[in-house]
N, C-alpha and C. Protein backbone atom coordinates (compact mmCIF):
# COMPACT_ATOMS: atom_id res chain seq x y z
N MET A 1 -34.37 6.39 9.69
CA MET A 1 -34.45 6.48 8.24
C MET A 1 -34.54 5.15 7.65
N ALA A 2 -33.66 3.88 8.00
CA ALA A 2 -33.89 2.87 7.34
C ALA A 2 -35.01 2.04 7.64
N LYS A 3 -35.71 2.40 8.71
CA LYS A 3 -36.99 1.84 9.02
C LYS A 3 -38.09 2.17 8.19
N THR A 4 -38.13 3.62 7.75
CA THR A 4 -39.13 4.09 7.22
C THR A 4 -38.97 4.48 5.61
N LYS A 5 -37.80 4.17 5.00
CA LYS A 5 -37.70 4.53 3.56
C LYS A 5 -36.85 3.51 2.96
N LYS A 6 -37.37 2.98 1.75
CA LYS A 6 -36.53 1.89 1.04
C LYS A 6 -35.08 2.72 0.63
N ILE A 7 -34.13 1.84 0.69
CA ILE A 7 -32.71 2.15 0.28
C ILE A 7 -32.58 1.69 -1.08
N ASN A 8 -32.00 2.56 -1.99
CA ASN A 8 -31.77 2.15 -3.21
C ASN A 8 -30.37 2.41 -3.90
N THR A 9 -29.91 1.61 -4.63
CA THR A 9 -28.37 2.00 -5.35
C THR A 9 -28.46 3.47 -6.17
N GLY A 10 -27.68 4.28 -5.64
CA GLY A 10 -27.55 5.71 -6.21
C GLY A 10 -27.97 6.62 -5.07
N ASP A 11 -28.61 6.07 -4.04
CA ASP A 11 -29.00 7.09 -3.04
C ASP A 11 -27.82 7.81 -2.37
N VAL A 12 -28.02 9.13 -2.29
CA VAL A 12 -26.99 9.91 -1.65
C VAL A 12 -27.53 10.12 -0.13
N PHE A 13 -26.66 9.98 0.84
CA PHE A 13 -27.02 9.90 2.30
C PHE A 13 -26.10 10.97 3.07
N SER A 14 -26.71 11.38 4.16
CA SER A 14 -25.95 12.37 4.94
C SER A 14 -25.84 11.60 6.37
N VAL A 15 -24.88 11.98 6.94
CA VAL A 15 -24.56 11.48 8.54
C VAL A 15 -24.24 12.62 9.24
N LYS A 16 -24.83 13.02 10.48
CA LYS A 16 -24.56 14.13 11.17
C LYS A 16 -23.35 13.89 11.97
N VAL A 17 -22.59 14.74 12.00
CA VAL A 17 -21.08 14.72 12.73
C VAL A 17 -20.92 15.87 13.59
N SER A 18 -21.80 16.86 13.62
CA SER A 18 -21.94 17.94 14.52
C SER A 18 -23.24 18.54 14.64
N GLU A 19 -23.34 19.43 15.49
CA GLU A 19 -24.72 20.15 15.74
C GLU A 19 -25.47 20.51 14.45
N ASN A 20 -24.67 20.87 13.47
CA ASN A 20 -25.31 21.49 12.11
C ASN A 20 -24.43 21.05 10.87
N GLU A 21 -23.57 20.00 11.00
CA GLU A 21 -22.72 19.57 9.94
C GLU A 21 -22.77 17.98 9.66
N PHE A 22 -22.69 17.70 8.36
CA PHE A 22 -22.86 16.29 7.92
C PHE A 22 -21.80 15.90 7.14
N ILE A 23 -21.32 14.64 6.96
CA ILE A 23 -20.49 14.16 5.86
C ILE A 23 -21.61 13.32 5.01
N TYR A 24 -21.08 13.22 3.66
CA TYR A 24 -22.03 12.53 2.55
C TYR A 24 -21.44 11.29 1.95
N GLY A 25 -22.34 10.70 1.54
CA GLY A 25 -21.75 9.42 0.79
C GLY A 25 -22.90 9.10 -0.13
N ARG A 26 -22.60 7.92 -0.91
CA ARG A 26 -23.57 7.40 -1.86
C ARG A 26 -23.58 5.83 -1.97
N ILE A 27 -24.58 5.21 -2.31
CA ILE A 27 -24.70 3.76 -2.10
C ILE A 27 -24.27 3.35 -4.00
N LEU A 28 -23.10 2.49 -3.92
CA LEU A 28 -22.79 2.10 -5.05
C LEU A 28 -23.48 0.88 -5.73
N PHE A 29 -23.44 -0.11 -4.55
CA PHE A 29 -24.01 -1.54 -4.93
C PHE A 29 -24.83 -2.09 -3.78
N ASP A 30 -25.72 -2.69 -3.90
CA ASP A 30 -26.56 -3.28 -2.97
C ASP A 30 -26.47 -4.93 -3.17
N VAL A 31 -25.48 -5.50 -2.32
CA VAL A 31 -25.09 -6.99 -2.55
C VAL A 31 -26.37 -8.01 -2.60
N THR A 32 -27.18 -7.65 -1.74
CA THR A 32 -28.37 -8.75 -1.62
C THR A 32 -29.36 -8.50 -2.76
N LYS A 33 -29.52 -7.38 -3.36
CA LYS A 33 -30.53 -7.00 -4.36
C LYS A 33 -29.88 -7.17 -5.69
N GLN A 34 -28.43 -6.92 -5.94
CA GLN A 34 -27.89 -6.90 -7.04
C GLN A 34 -27.07 -8.05 -7.51
N TYR A 35 -26.50 -8.92 -6.61
CA TYR A 35 -25.57 -9.83 -6.91
C TYR A 35 -26.27 -11.12 -7.59
N ILE A 36 -25.86 -11.56 -8.73
CA ILE A 36 -26.37 -12.48 -9.28
C ILE A 36 -24.99 -13.51 -9.78
N LYS A 37 -25.11 -14.68 -9.41
CA LYS A 37 -23.87 -15.58 -9.71
C LYS A 37 -24.04 -15.82 -11.23
N THR A 38 -22.87 -15.94 -11.68
CA THR A 38 -22.84 -16.54 -13.13
C THR A 38 -22.84 -18.07 -13.36
N SER A 39 -23.26 -18.56 -14.61
CA SER A 39 -23.14 -19.91 -14.58
C SER A 39 -21.88 -20.78 -14.23
N PHE A 40 -20.87 -20.04 -14.64
CA PHE A 40 -19.43 -20.62 -14.42
C PHE A 40 -18.74 -20.43 -13.14
N GLU A 41 -19.50 -19.77 -12.30
CA GLU A 41 -18.86 -19.29 -11.05
C GLU A 41 -18.85 -20.31 -9.80
N ASN A 42 -17.64 -20.34 -9.08
CA ASN A 42 -17.83 -21.03 -7.85
C ASN A 42 -17.97 -20.21 -6.69
N ASP A 43 -17.45 -20.59 -5.47
CA ASP A 43 -17.58 -19.93 -4.38
C ASP A 43 -16.62 -19.19 -3.89
N ASN A 44 -15.71 -19.05 -4.68
CA ASN A 44 -14.36 -18.21 -4.29
C ASN A 44 -14.43 -16.66 -4.15
N ASN A 45 -15.36 -16.22 -4.91
CA ASN A 45 -15.34 -14.73 -4.71
C ASN A 45 -16.01 -14.31 -3.50
N TYR A 46 -15.94 -13.20 -2.96
CA TYR A 46 -16.33 -12.61 -1.61
C TYR A 46 -17.66 -12.21 -1.53
N LEU A 47 -18.49 -11.96 -2.55
CA LEU A 47 -19.63 -11.37 -2.60
C LEU A 47 -20.80 -11.93 -1.61
N SER A 48 -20.63 -13.41 -1.61
CA SER A 48 -21.66 -13.97 -0.60
C SER A 48 -21.31 -13.61 0.77
N PHE A 49 -20.01 -13.31 1.09
CA PHE A 49 -19.83 -13.10 2.54
C PHE A 49 -20.22 -11.74 2.75
N PHE A 50 -20.58 -10.85 1.71
CA PHE A 50 -21.03 -9.53 2.00
C PHE A 50 -22.49 -9.31 1.79
N ASN A 51 -23.24 -10.56 1.78
CA ASN A 51 -24.59 -10.47 1.76
C ASN A 51 -25.21 -9.71 2.78
N LYS A 52 -26.30 -8.84 2.63
CA LYS A 52 -27.04 -7.98 3.48
C LYS A 52 -26.02 -6.61 3.68
N CYS A 53 -25.05 -6.48 2.97
CA CYS A 53 -24.32 -5.24 2.93
C CYS A 53 -24.37 -4.43 1.56
N TYR A 54 -24.13 -3.05 1.92
CA TYR A 54 -23.78 -2.25 0.72
C TYR A 54 -22.67 -1.78 0.63
N LEU A 55 -22.36 -1.40 -0.71
CA LEU A 55 -21.08 -0.73 -1.17
C LEU A 55 -21.28 0.61 -1.16
N ILE A 56 -20.30 1.37 -0.46
CA ILE A 56 -20.63 2.82 -0.37
C ILE A 56 -19.34 3.67 -0.66
N GLU A 57 -19.52 4.90 -1.19
CA GLU A 57 -18.40 5.78 -1.41
C GLU A 57 -18.80 7.04 -0.35
N THR A 58 -17.80 7.86 0.11
CA THR A 58 -18.02 8.84 0.75
C THR A 58 -17.20 10.07 -0.07
N PHE A 59 -17.40 11.32 0.29
CA PHE A 59 -16.92 12.40 -0.41
C PHE A 59 -16.09 13.35 0.79
N ILE A 60 -15.13 14.08 0.32
CA ILE A 60 -14.46 15.02 0.99
C ILE A 60 -15.35 16.17 1.21
N GLY A 61 -15.21 16.39 2.61
CA GLY A 61 -16.07 17.75 2.93
C GLY A 61 -17.00 17.50 4.16
N VAL A 62 -17.23 18.55 4.94
CA VAL A 62 -18.03 18.32 6.17
C VAL A 62 -18.82 19.67 5.96
N SER A 63 -20.17 19.66 5.88
CA SER A 63 -20.84 20.88 5.51
C SER A 63 -22.36 20.66 5.74
N ALA A 64 -22.98 21.86 6.12
CA ALA A 64 -24.37 21.71 6.52
C ALA A 64 -25.21 21.35 5.31
N SER A 65 -24.71 21.57 4.01
CA SER A 65 -25.47 21.55 2.82
C SER A 65 -24.80 20.57 1.76
N PHE A 66 -25.40 19.71 1.21
CA PHE A 66 -24.57 18.71 0.06
C PHE A 66 -24.39 19.71 -1.09
N ALA A 67 -24.98 20.70 -1.18
CA ALA A 67 -24.67 21.64 -2.42
C ALA A 67 -23.09 22.05 -2.25
N ASN A 68 -22.49 22.13 -1.19
CA ASN A 68 -21.17 22.45 -0.80
C ASN A 68 -20.13 21.53 -1.30
N ILE A 69 -20.55 20.21 -1.63
CA ILE A 69 -19.72 18.84 -1.80
C ILE A 69 -19.65 18.69 -3.13
N ASP A 70 -18.14 18.44 -3.53
CA ASP A 70 -17.89 17.98 -5.12
C ASP A 70 -17.77 16.58 -5.01
N MET A 71 -18.62 15.80 -5.76
CA MET A 71 -18.71 14.34 -5.79
C MET A 71 -17.43 13.83 -6.31
N LYS A 72 -16.77 14.70 -7.17
CA LYS A 72 -15.69 14.16 -7.72
C LYS A 72 -14.41 13.85 -6.92
N ARG A 73 -14.53 14.51 -5.65
CA ARG A 73 -13.55 14.27 -4.62
C ARG A 73 -13.99 13.40 -3.54
N LYS A 74 -13.24 12.07 -3.62
CA LYS A 74 -13.79 11.08 -2.94
C LYS A 74 -12.93 11.07 -1.68
N ALA A 75 -13.44 10.67 -0.47
CA ALA A 75 -12.74 10.22 0.86
C ALA A 75 -12.52 8.91 0.71
N VAL A 76 -13.61 7.99 0.81
CA VAL A 76 -13.46 6.77 0.87
C VAL A 76 -14.10 6.15 -0.54
N ILE A 77 -13.18 5.52 -1.52
CA ILE A 77 -13.58 5.26 -2.63
C ILE A 77 -14.86 4.07 -2.63
N SER A 78 -14.64 3.28 -1.94
CA SER A 78 -15.57 2.11 -1.72
C SER A 78 -15.41 1.25 -0.65
N VAL A 79 -16.29 1.09 0.26
CA VAL A 79 -16.17 0.20 1.36
C VAL A 79 -17.55 -0.54 1.57
N PHE A 80 -17.42 -1.81 2.06
CA PHE A 80 -18.73 -2.39 2.44
C PHE A 80 -19.29 -2.10 3.81
N VAL A 81 -20.50 -1.82 3.91
CA VAL A 81 -21.00 -1.65 5.30
C VAL A 81 -22.34 -2.40 5.51
N PRO A 82 -22.55 -2.88 6.63
CA PRO A 82 -23.70 -3.85 6.85
C PRO A 82 -25.14 -3.08 6.73
N ASP A 83 -26.18 -3.70 6.40
CA ASP A 83 -27.36 -2.88 6.16
C ASP A 83 -27.88 -2.00 7.43
N PHE A 84 -27.31 -2.35 8.56
CA PHE A 84 -27.80 -1.58 9.75
C PHE A 84 -27.16 -0.36 9.82
N PHE A 85 -26.15 -0.18 8.99
CA PHE A 85 -25.29 1.14 8.99
C PHE A 85 -26.26 2.33 9.10
N PHE A 86 -27.00 2.34 8.24
CA PHE A 86 -27.96 3.60 8.01
C PHE A 86 -28.73 3.96 9.28
N SER A 87 -29.38 2.81 10.00
CA SER A 87 -30.10 3.07 11.22
C SER A 87 -29.08 3.27 12.41
N GLU A 88 -28.03 2.65 12.53
CA GLU A 88 -27.19 2.90 13.48
C GLU A 88 -26.65 4.38 13.54
N TYR A 89 -26.22 5.01 12.36
CA TYR A 89 -25.82 6.17 12.27
C TYR A 89 -26.94 7.38 11.89
N GLU A 90 -28.07 6.89 11.88
CA GLU A 90 -29.25 7.72 11.71
C GLU A 90 -29.04 8.66 10.47
N ALA A 91 -28.65 7.77 9.43
CA ALA A 91 -28.34 8.34 8.16
C ALA A 91 -29.62 8.71 7.47
N ASN A 92 -29.56 9.79 6.69
CA ASN A 92 -30.81 10.33 6.02
C ASN A 92 -30.64 10.42 4.45
N ILE A 93 -31.47 9.73 3.68
CA ILE A 93 -31.46 9.73 2.26
C ILE A 93 -31.76 11.14 1.74
N ILE A 94 -31.00 11.80 0.97
CA ILE A 94 -31.33 13.09 0.62
C ILE A 94 -31.41 13.33 -0.94
N ASP A 95 -30.96 12.34 -1.77
CA ASP A 95 -31.04 12.42 -3.14
C ASP A 95 -30.69 11.17 -3.82
N ASN A 96 -30.91 11.01 -5.07
CA ASN A 96 -30.63 9.90 -5.83
C ASN A 96 -29.86 10.20 -7.11
N ILE A 97 -28.60 9.79 -7.09
CA ILE A 97 -27.68 10.29 -8.34
C ILE A 97 -27.47 8.97 -9.17
N GLU A 98 -27.62 8.70 -10.23
CA GLU A 98 -27.32 7.72 -10.99
C GLU A 98 -26.04 7.24 -10.90
N ILE A 99 -25.80 5.83 -10.95
CA ILE A 99 -24.19 5.37 -10.95
C ILE A 99 -23.89 5.14 -12.24
N ASP A 100 -22.51 5.61 -12.55
CA ASP A 100 -21.89 5.21 -13.62
C ASP A 100 -21.03 3.94 -13.35
N VAL A 101 -21.51 2.80 -14.10
CA VAL A 101 -21.05 1.65 -13.70
C VAL A 101 -19.47 1.48 -13.91
N LYS A 102 -19.07 2.08 -14.93
CA LYS A 102 -17.68 2.16 -15.46
C LYS A 102 -16.76 2.75 -14.29
N GLU A 103 -17.27 3.50 -13.20
CA GLU A 103 -16.63 3.99 -12.19
C GLU A 103 -16.69 3.38 -10.97
N VAL A 104 -17.38 2.44 -10.95
CA VAL A 104 -17.56 1.50 -9.60
C VAL A 104 -16.19 0.54 -9.52
N SER A 105 -15.84 0.76 -8.17
CA SER A 105 -14.81 -0.01 -7.83
C SER A 105 -15.14 -0.83 -6.75
N PHE A 106 -14.42 -1.95 -6.21
CA PHE A 106 -14.53 -2.68 -5.35
C PHE A 106 -13.40 -2.96 -4.31
N PRO A 107 -13.45 -3.14 -3.04
CA PRO A 107 -12.13 -3.31 -2.34
C PRO A 107 -11.36 -4.61 -2.74
N GLU A 108 -10.21 -4.50 -2.86
CA GLU A 108 -9.28 -5.67 -3.20
C GLU A 108 -8.57 -6.34 -2.19
N THR A 109 -8.83 -7.73 -2.18
CA THR A 109 -8.34 -8.37 -1.04
C THR A 109 -7.66 -9.69 -1.59
N LEU A 110 -7.10 -10.47 -0.60
CA LEU A 110 -6.54 -11.79 -0.99
C LEU A 110 -7.61 -12.88 -0.16
N SER A 111 -7.67 -14.15 -0.64
CA SER A 111 -8.22 -15.15 0.04
C SER A 111 -7.75 -16.53 -0.35
N SER A 112 -7.98 -17.35 0.51
CA SER A 112 -7.54 -18.61 0.45
C SER A 112 -8.61 -19.68 0.33
N ALA A 113 -8.57 -20.52 -0.73
CA ALA A 113 -9.49 -21.77 -0.77
C ALA A 113 -8.61 -22.95 -1.04
N ASP A 114 -8.96 -23.44 -2.40
CA ASP A 114 -8.00 -24.56 -2.94
C ASP A 114 -6.75 -23.90 -3.35
N LYS A 115 -6.76 -22.73 -3.81
CA LYS A 115 -5.63 -21.95 -4.02
C LYS A 115 -5.56 -20.46 -3.43
N ARG A 116 -4.81 -19.71 -3.46
CA ARG A 116 -4.71 -18.19 -3.17
C ARG A 116 -5.29 -17.48 -4.22
N TYR A 117 -6.05 -16.54 -3.90
CA TYR A 117 -6.79 -15.71 -4.94
C TYR A 117 -6.49 -14.08 -4.48
N PHE A 118 -6.61 -13.48 -5.59
CA PHE A 118 -6.77 -11.92 -5.62
C PHE A 118 -8.26 -11.92 -5.77
N SER A 119 -8.97 -11.21 -4.87
CA SER A 119 -10.41 -10.85 -4.89
C SER A 119 -10.82 -9.64 -5.00
N ALA A 120 -11.93 -9.34 -5.94
CA ALA A 120 -12.46 -7.97 -5.95
C ALA A 120 -13.63 -8.02 -6.64
N GLY A 121 -14.73 -7.60 -5.89
CA GLY A 121 -16.06 -7.82 -6.46
C GLY A 121 -16.29 -9.17 -7.10
N GLU A 122 -16.61 -9.39 -8.09
CA GLU A 122 -16.82 -10.83 -8.86
C GLU A 122 -15.55 -11.52 -9.20
N LEU A 123 -14.59 -10.81 -9.02
CA LEU A 123 -13.10 -11.49 -9.52
C LEU A 123 -12.67 -12.13 -8.52
N TYR A 124 -12.00 -13.45 -8.84
CA TYR A 124 -11.28 -14.21 -7.94
C TYR A 124 -10.09 -14.98 -8.91
N LEU A 125 -8.88 -14.14 -8.96
CA LEU A 125 -7.91 -14.66 -9.79
C LEU A 125 -6.83 -15.24 -8.99
N PRO A 126 -6.13 -16.47 -9.40
CA PRO A 126 -5.21 -17.15 -8.69
C PRO A 126 -4.01 -16.24 -8.74
N VAL A 127 -3.34 -16.31 -7.67
CA VAL A 127 -2.21 -15.55 -7.43
C VAL A 127 -1.13 -16.42 -6.77
N ASP A 128 0.21 -16.21 -6.97
CA ASP A 128 1.24 -17.38 -6.70
C ASP A 128 1.72 -16.87 -5.30
N LEU A 129 0.96 -17.17 -4.30
CA LEU A 129 1.39 -16.95 -2.97
C LEU A 129 1.24 -18.21 -2.21
N SER A 130 1.97 -18.35 -1.21
CA SER A 130 1.71 -19.44 -0.27
C SER A 130 0.63 -19.00 0.86
N ASP A 131 0.20 -20.07 1.63
CA ASP A 131 -0.57 -19.86 2.51
C ASP A 131 0.01 -18.81 3.53
N ASP A 132 1.32 -19.23 4.01
CA ASP A 132 2.04 -18.44 4.80
C ASP A 132 2.22 -16.94 4.55
N GLU A 133 2.49 -16.80 3.09
CA GLU A 133 2.58 -15.34 2.63
C GLU A 133 1.59 -14.74 2.45
N CYS A 134 0.15 -15.28 2.30
CA CYS A 134 -1.04 -14.63 2.10
C CYS A 134 -1.33 -14.32 3.83
N TYR A 135 -0.93 -15.34 4.75
CA TYR A 135 -1.30 -14.80 6.14
C TYR A 135 -0.66 -13.52 6.71
N LYS A 136 0.77 -13.38 6.05
CA LYS A 136 1.58 -12.44 6.52
C LYS A 136 1.15 -11.14 6.03
N ILE A 137 0.47 -11.23 4.81
CA ILE A 137 -0.05 -9.86 4.16
C ILE A 137 -1.39 -9.42 4.94
N LYS A 138 -2.17 -10.43 5.45
CA LYS A 138 -3.38 -10.26 6.10
C LYS A 138 -4.30 -9.19 5.71
N ILE A 139 -4.51 -9.26 4.38
CA ILE A 139 -5.59 -8.43 3.75
C ILE A 139 -6.71 -9.15 3.11
N TYR A 140 -7.87 -9.33 4.07
CA TYR A 140 -8.83 -10.10 3.82
C TYR A 140 -10.17 -9.36 3.81
N PRO A 141 -11.16 -10.14 3.13
CA PRO A 141 -12.33 -9.39 3.05
C PRO A 141 -13.04 -9.16 4.45
N SER A 142 -13.31 -7.99 4.66
CA SER A 142 -13.87 -7.72 6.15
C SER A 142 -14.74 -6.56 6.05
N PHE A 143 -15.56 -6.27 7.02
CA PHE A 143 -16.38 -5.06 7.26
C PHE A 143 -16.82 -5.06 8.83
N GLY A 144 -17.02 -3.64 8.96
CA GLY A 144 -17.36 -3.34 10.41
C GLY A 144 -18.75 -2.50 10.25
N SER A 145 -18.86 -1.84 11.29
CA SER A 145 -20.15 -1.12 11.48
C SER A 145 -20.19 0.05 10.46
N GLY A 146 -19.15 0.37 9.90
CA GLY A 146 -19.03 1.78 9.13
C GLY A 146 -18.33 3.00 10.10
N PHE A 147 -17.98 2.66 11.12
CA PHE A 147 -17.41 3.61 11.93
C PHE A 147 -16.11 3.99 11.24
N GLN A 148 -15.15 2.96 10.64
CA GLN A 148 -13.99 3.43 10.20
C GLN A 148 -14.14 4.38 8.85
N ALA A 149 -15.26 4.16 8.04
CA ALA A 149 -15.52 5.04 6.86
C ALA A 149 -16.01 6.47 7.39
N ILE A 150 -16.59 6.51 8.38
CA ILE A 150 -16.91 7.90 9.02
C ILE A 150 -15.90 8.60 9.39
N THR A 151 -14.92 7.96 10.25
CA THR A 151 -13.83 8.56 10.78
C THR A 151 -12.69 8.89 9.65
N ALA A 152 -12.48 7.92 8.65
CA ALA A 152 -11.66 8.28 7.55
C ALA A 152 -12.23 9.46 6.67
N THR A 153 -13.42 9.56 6.69
CA THR A 153 -14.13 10.60 5.90
C THR A 153 -13.47 12.03 6.66
N LEU A 154 -13.94 12.01 7.98
CA LEU A 154 -13.62 13.23 8.71
C LEU A 154 -12.10 13.56 8.65
N ASP A 155 -11.26 12.53 8.90
CA ASP A 155 -9.73 12.83 8.81
C ASP A 155 -9.40 13.33 7.44
N TYR A 156 -9.78 12.59 6.23
CA TYR A 156 -9.37 13.08 4.94
C TYR A 156 -9.97 14.56 4.65
N SER A 157 -10.99 14.87 5.36
CA SER A 157 -11.57 16.18 5.18
C SER A 157 -11.00 17.28 5.98
N GLY A 158 -9.88 16.83 6.89
CA GLY A 158 -9.32 17.91 7.51
C GLY A 158 -10.17 18.26 8.92
N ARG A 159 -11.01 17.39 9.42
CA ARG A 159 -11.94 17.60 10.48
C ARG A 159 -11.52 16.80 11.59
N THR A 160 -10.24 16.59 11.80
CA THR A 160 -9.97 15.74 12.99
C THR A 160 -10.50 16.24 14.51
N ASP A 161 -10.99 17.70 14.57
CA ASP A 161 -11.54 18.03 15.63
C ASP A 161 -12.94 17.19 16.08
N LEU A 162 -13.51 16.56 14.85
CA LEU A 162 -14.68 15.88 15.07
C LEU A 162 -14.60 14.35 15.43
N ILE A 163 -13.20 14.03 15.60
CA ILE A 163 -12.85 12.62 15.77
C ILE A 163 -12.39 12.38 17.26
N GLU A 164 -13.05 11.25 17.90
CA GLU A 164 -12.69 11.24 19.24
C GLU A 164 -11.18 10.83 19.35
N GLU A 165 -10.59 11.18 20.68
CA GLU A 165 -9.23 10.85 20.95
C GLU A 165 -9.01 9.34 20.92
N GLY A 166 -8.20 8.89 20.20
CA GLY A 166 -7.89 7.47 20.05
C GLY A 166 -8.43 6.66 18.95
N ASP A 167 -9.27 7.43 18.35
CA ASP A 167 -10.09 6.87 17.12
C ASP A 167 -9.47 7.17 15.74
N ARG A 168 -8.51 8.06 15.75
CA ARG A 168 -7.72 8.48 14.44
C ARG A 168 -6.80 7.31 14.26
N GLN A 169 -6.72 6.83 12.83
CA GLN A 169 -5.77 5.70 12.51
C GLN A 169 -4.87 6.31 11.62
N GLU A 170 -3.42 5.85 11.69
CA GLU A 170 -2.44 6.38 10.72
C GLU A 170 -2.79 5.87 9.35
N ALA A 171 -3.38 4.48 9.32
CA ALA A 171 -3.80 4.00 7.89
C ALA A 171 -5.06 3.36 8.00
N TYR A 172 -6.17 3.74 7.11
CA TYR A 172 -7.41 3.30 7.15
C TYR A 172 -7.59 2.02 6.26
N PHE A 173 -8.27 1.08 6.65
CA PHE A 173 -8.48 -0.13 5.60
C PHE A 173 -7.27 -0.67 5.37
N LYS A 174 -6.15 -0.70 6.26
CA LYS A 174 -4.91 -1.49 5.86
C LYS A 174 -5.16 -2.73 5.75
N TYR A 175 -5.69 -3.48 6.52
CA TYR A 175 -5.89 -4.91 6.55
C TYR A 175 -7.18 -5.41 5.80
N SER A 176 -7.76 -4.59 5.08
CA SER A 176 -8.98 -5.02 4.21
C SER A 176 -9.05 -4.47 2.70
N ASP A 177 -7.88 -3.84 2.41
CA ASP A 177 -8.18 -3.45 1.07
C ASP A 177 -6.79 -3.15 0.49
N LEU A 178 -6.18 -3.82 -0.59
CA LEU A 178 -5.01 -3.60 -1.29
C LEU A 178 -4.75 -2.10 -1.85
N ARG A 179 -5.83 -1.52 -2.08
CA ARG A 179 -5.85 -0.17 -2.69
C ARG A 179 -5.24 0.74 -1.65
N ASN A 180 -5.15 0.49 -0.29
CA ASN A 180 -4.59 1.31 0.75
C ASN A 180 -3.19 0.90 0.93
N ASN A 181 -2.63 -0.03 0.10
CA ASN A 181 -1.35 -0.54 0.15
C ASN A 181 -0.79 -0.54 -1.16
N PRO A 182 -0.30 0.70 -1.73
CA PRO A 182 -0.02 0.85 -3.15
C PRO A 182 1.12 -0.11 -3.59
N GLU A 183 2.22 -0.16 -2.84
CA GLU A 183 3.45 -0.96 -3.29
C GLU A 183 3.08 -2.39 -3.38
N LEU A 184 2.43 -2.79 -2.41
CA LEU A 184 1.97 -4.42 -2.45
C LEU A 184 1.10 -4.67 -3.45
N ARG A 185 0.12 -3.56 -3.78
CA ARG A 185 -0.95 -3.86 -4.67
C ARG A 185 -0.14 -3.98 -6.22
N ARG A 186 0.76 -3.18 -6.23
CA ARG A 186 1.70 -3.26 -7.53
C ARG A 186 2.14 -4.70 -7.72
N GLU A 187 2.70 -5.23 -6.78
CA GLU A 187 3.44 -6.48 -6.80
C GLU A 187 2.21 -7.64 -6.98
N ILE A 188 1.13 -7.37 -6.48
CA ILE A 188 0.05 -8.41 -6.61
C ILE A 188 -0.48 -8.35 -8.13
N TYR A 189 -0.77 -7.15 -8.51
CA TYR A 189 -1.18 -7.16 -9.95
C TYR A 189 -0.02 -7.63 -10.90
N ALA A 190 1.13 -7.65 -10.46
CA ALA A 190 2.21 -8.16 -11.43
C ALA A 190 1.96 -9.69 -11.44
N MET A 191 1.75 -10.24 -10.39
CA MET A 191 1.49 -11.74 -10.15
C MET A 191 0.52 -12.10 -11.22
N ILE A 192 -0.59 -11.38 -11.10
CA ILE A 192 -1.85 -11.79 -11.85
C ILE A 192 -1.80 -11.36 -13.28
N GLY A 193 -0.65 -10.47 -13.69
CA GLY A 193 -0.35 -10.24 -15.00
C GLY A 193 -1.43 -9.06 -15.59
N GLU A 194 -1.78 -8.20 -14.65
CA GLU A 194 -2.71 -7.10 -14.94
C GLU A 194 -2.13 -5.77 -14.73
N ASP A 195 -2.70 -4.70 -15.22
CA ASP A 195 -2.26 -3.32 -15.32
C ASP A 195 -3.21 -2.86 -14.11
N PRO A 196 -2.42 -2.33 -13.08
CA PRO A 196 -3.21 -1.89 -11.86
C PRO A 196 -3.84 -0.43 -12.03
N ASN A 197 -3.47 0.09 -13.27
CA ASN A 197 -4.32 1.54 -13.57
C ASN A 197 -5.38 1.18 -14.29
N GLN A 198 -5.90 0.01 -14.79
CA GLN A 198 -7.21 -0.24 -15.47
C GLN A 198 -8.26 -0.20 -14.44
N SER A 199 -9.57 0.17 -14.79
CA SER A 199 -10.73 0.13 -13.86
C SER A 199 -11.15 -1.21 -13.62
N TYR A 200 -11.87 -1.22 -12.44
CA TYR A 200 -12.47 -2.57 -12.06
C TYR A 200 -13.47 -3.11 -13.21
N TYR A 201 -14.12 -2.16 -13.87
CA TYR A 201 -15.13 -2.53 -14.80
C TYR A 201 -14.32 -3.35 -16.10
N GLU A 202 -13.06 -2.72 -16.55
CA GLU A 202 -12.28 -3.16 -17.67
C GLU A 202 -11.85 -4.54 -17.24
N LEU A 203 -11.18 -4.57 -15.94
CA LEU A 203 -10.63 -5.81 -15.53
C LEU A 203 -11.55 -6.93 -15.45
N ALA A 204 -12.75 -6.71 -14.86
CA ALA A 204 -13.84 -7.67 -14.67
C ALA A 204 -14.41 -8.16 -16.06
N LEU A 205 -14.60 -7.23 -17.16
CA LEU A 205 -15.13 -7.55 -18.37
C LEU A 205 -14.16 -8.46 -19.01
N LYS A 206 -12.79 -8.26 -18.95
CA LYS A 206 -11.85 -9.02 -19.37
C LYS A 206 -11.94 -10.46 -19.02
N HIS A 207 -12.28 -10.73 -17.79
CA HIS A 207 -12.53 -12.09 -17.18
C HIS A 207 -13.82 -12.61 -17.43
N GLY A 208 -14.85 -11.88 -18.16
CA GLY A 208 -16.00 -12.66 -18.42
C GLY A 208 -17.15 -12.06 -17.37
N PHE A 209 -17.19 -10.86 -16.61
CA PHE A 209 -17.93 -10.55 -15.74
C PHE A 209 -18.40 -8.83 -16.16
N ASP A 210 -19.56 -9.00 -16.77
CA ASP A 210 -19.97 -7.38 -17.03
C ASP A 210 -20.64 -6.91 -16.03
N LEU A 211 -20.16 -6.08 -15.37
CA LEU A 211 -20.96 -5.54 -14.16
C LEU A 211 -22.10 -4.69 -14.51
N ALA A 212 -22.14 -4.17 -15.81
CA ALA A 212 -23.42 -3.35 -16.20
C ALA A 212 -24.72 -4.20 -16.02
N ARG A 213 -24.46 -5.44 -16.16
CA ARG A 213 -25.73 -6.33 -16.12
C ARG A 213 -26.31 -6.31 -14.79
N LEU A 214 -25.54 -5.99 -13.77
CA LEU A 214 -25.97 -6.01 -12.21
C LEU A 214 -26.85 -4.87 -11.94
N TYR A 215 -26.70 -3.82 -12.94
CA TYR A 215 -27.41 -2.78 -12.76
C TYR A 215 -28.56 -2.31 -13.70
N GLU A 216 -28.94 -3.52 -14.42
CA GLU A 216 -30.10 -3.40 -15.23
C GLU A 216 -31.38 -3.56 -14.48
N HIS A 217 -32.44 -2.74 -14.83
CA HIS A 217 -33.59 -2.99 -13.97
C HIS A 217 -34.69 -4.02 -14.65
């Protein structure tokens, strides 16, 4: 699929998981095409690390038809996958559904440079942690082949029968996303003085990053 068809933000894709069943997801953000540094930005945010990656979401459900899938029921809210994900898993583009930029969210991590930072999308907000504390938490920007996203989607959809023995995890993305560590996430948000219930769009806009500009054609 990836060799013959251009991939665009908003594309809905399917990945075959059994003889006649698929899981489904959508491309939320194309880092290579959409990311534009602001004039006041330094190298602390993680988006350059995710060059040649896509931010995707997946939906609850395993079905022969996308018509049976409720897009409001997310399996994986968002995760970065490399551009070869689509060819590696023989994903097919089946539709394109416009993105509501105000609903896009990014993995939340910690990073260390001259200071320790809370990082999400374009955001890099200083957080009062030592290097040792940051290391113990071990939630850093990372991506794999997309295998974990597929496995998590199957698991959250109640289809563990399609997961190979030993591949199921007690907690997915535990070391790559604060959103999967709710108690710790609340603590970090308290350190940066922000409300964990606000959307990424609201938080980024507050700090000078209007995500909508990256979706303008």
